[in-house]
């Protein structure tokens, strides 16, 4: 008997570069949505953050983790992705012409 690995999973290292926010950040562009999947709430969140980072997101709004009803064994969480300018990017540095 052979077992096939799930082809849609991503390595789930927690991402420190993606900021989780509660509301859409001002001056940011929505760049999409991803779904994180894991065996627990935290693993699903970590997967969503890894997928967001891979897509170039700087900020995300996470949905509520839910049990996957089709298999009853995994948790899924949706994340809305945003690309935001770095702080101070809208203004030129002081002292330059």
Protein backbone atom coordinates (compact mmCIF):
# COMPACT_ATOMS: atom_id res chain seq x y z
CA UNK A 1 0.00 0.00 0.00
CA UNK A 2 1.36 3.43 -0.86
CA UNK A 3 0.33 6.77 0.55
CA UNK A 4 0.34 9.88 -1.61
CA UNK A 5 1.28 13.20 -0.07
CA UNK A 6 -1.18 16.04 -0.37
CA UNK A 7 -0.01 18.09 -3.37
CA UNK A 8 -1.52 21.42 -2.31
CA UNK A 9 0.30 21.88 0.98
CA UNK A 10 3.10 24.37 1.58
CA UNK A 11 5.85 24.22 4.19
CA UNK A 12 4.37 25.83 7.25
CA UNK A 13 7.12 27.89 8.81
CA UNK A 14 5.66 30.80 10.76
CA UNK A 15 6.30 34.03 8.92
CA UNK A 16 7.66 37.03 10.76
CA UNK A 17 7.50 39.32 7.73
CA UNK A 18 3.71 39.22 7.23
CA UNK A 19 1.71 41.43 9.59
CA UNK A 20 -1.70 40.18 10.75
CA UNK A 21 -4.27 43.00 10.97
CA UNK A 22 -7.96 43.18 11.88
CA UNK A 23 -9.07 45.64 9.16
CA UNK A 24 -7.85 46.63 5.72
CA UNK A 25 -4.76 48.83 6.11
CA UNK A 26 -4.99 52.28 4.47
CA UNK A 27 -3.02 52.87 1.26
CA UNK A 28 -2.65 49.13 0.63
CA UNK A 29 -3.54 47.09 -2.43
CA UNK A 30 -5.51 43.86 -2.08
CA UNK A 31 -3.55 41.19 -3.93
CA UNK A 32 -5.70 38.13 -3.35
CA UNK A 33 -6.86 35.42 -0.99
CA UNK A 34 -5.24 32.17 0.13
CA UNK A 35 -6.44 29.21 2.15
CA UNK A 36 -4.26 27.72 4.87
CA UNK A 37 -4.67 24.06 5.73
CA UNK A 38 -3.36 22.11 8.71
CA UNK A 39 -4.07 19.54 11.38
CA UNK A 40 -4.79 22.26 13.95
CA UNK A 41 -5.81 25.93 14.05
CA UNK A 42 -2.19 27.05 14.48
CA UNK A 43 -0.89 24.90 11.63
CA UNK A 44 -3.61 26.23 9.31
CA UNK A 45 -2.69 29.80 10.30
CA UNK A 46 1.04 29.11 9.79
CA UNK A 47 0.25 27.63 6.36
CA UNK A 48 -1.84 30.67 5.41
CA UNK A 49 0.98 33.01 6.49
CA UNK A 50 3.56 31.01 4.51
CA UNK A 51 1.33 31.14 1.42
CA UNK A 52 0.76 34.89 1.93
CA UNK A 53 4.50 35.50 2.16
CA UNK A 54 5.09 33.43 -0.98
CA UNK A 55 2.57 35.63 -2.82
CA UNK A 56 4.36 38.82 -1.70
CA UNK A 57 1.85 40.00 0.90
CA UNK A 58 3.01 42.41 3.58
CA UNK A 59 -0.25 42.32 5.60
CA UNK A 60 -3.12 39.81 5.98
CA UNK A 61 -6.55 39.61 7.52
CA UNK A 62 -7.12 36.09 8.83
CA UNK A 63 -10.54 34.50 8.93
CA UNK A 64 -11.68 32.18 11.70
CA UNK A 65 -10.15 28.69 11.48
CA UNK A 66 -12.81 26.07 10.71
CA UNK A 67 -12.86 22.30 10.64
CA UNK A 68 -12.83 21.02 7.06
CA UNK A 69 -16.27 19.46 6.74
CA UNK A 70 -15.32 17.24 3.80
CA UNK A 71 -12.80 15.21 5.80
CA UNK A 72 -13.41 16.27 9.43
CA UNK A 73 -9.68 16.00 10.16
CA UNK A 74 -8.08 19.21 8.95
CA UNK A 75 -8.55 22.86 9.76
CA UNK A 76 -8.78 25.56 7.09
CA UNK A 77 -8.43 29.33 7.38
CA UNK A 78 -8.85 32.01 4.73
CA UNK A 79 -6.49 34.96 4.53
CA UNK A 80 -7.01 38.17 2.55
CA UNK A 81 -3.69 39.49 1.28
CA UNK A 82 -2.49 43.08 1.00
CA UNK A 83 0.63 44.75 -0.35
CA UNK A 84 1.39 47.88 1.68
CA UNK A 85 4.12 50.48 1.17
CA UNK A 86 6.79 50.57 3.86
CA UNK A 87 6.33 53.26 6.52
CA UNK A 88 7.45 56.65 5.23
CA UNK A 89 7.65 55.44 1.59
CA UNK A 90 5.20 58.10 0.43
CA UNK A 91 7.57 60.91 1.41
CA UNK A 92 11.08 61.55 0.01
CA UNK A 93 13.92 61.53 2.55
CA UNK A 94 14.55 64.87 4.25
CA UNK A 95 17.60 66.77 2.96
CA UNK A 96 17.46 65.58 -0.65
CA UNK A 97 16.55 67.96 -3.47
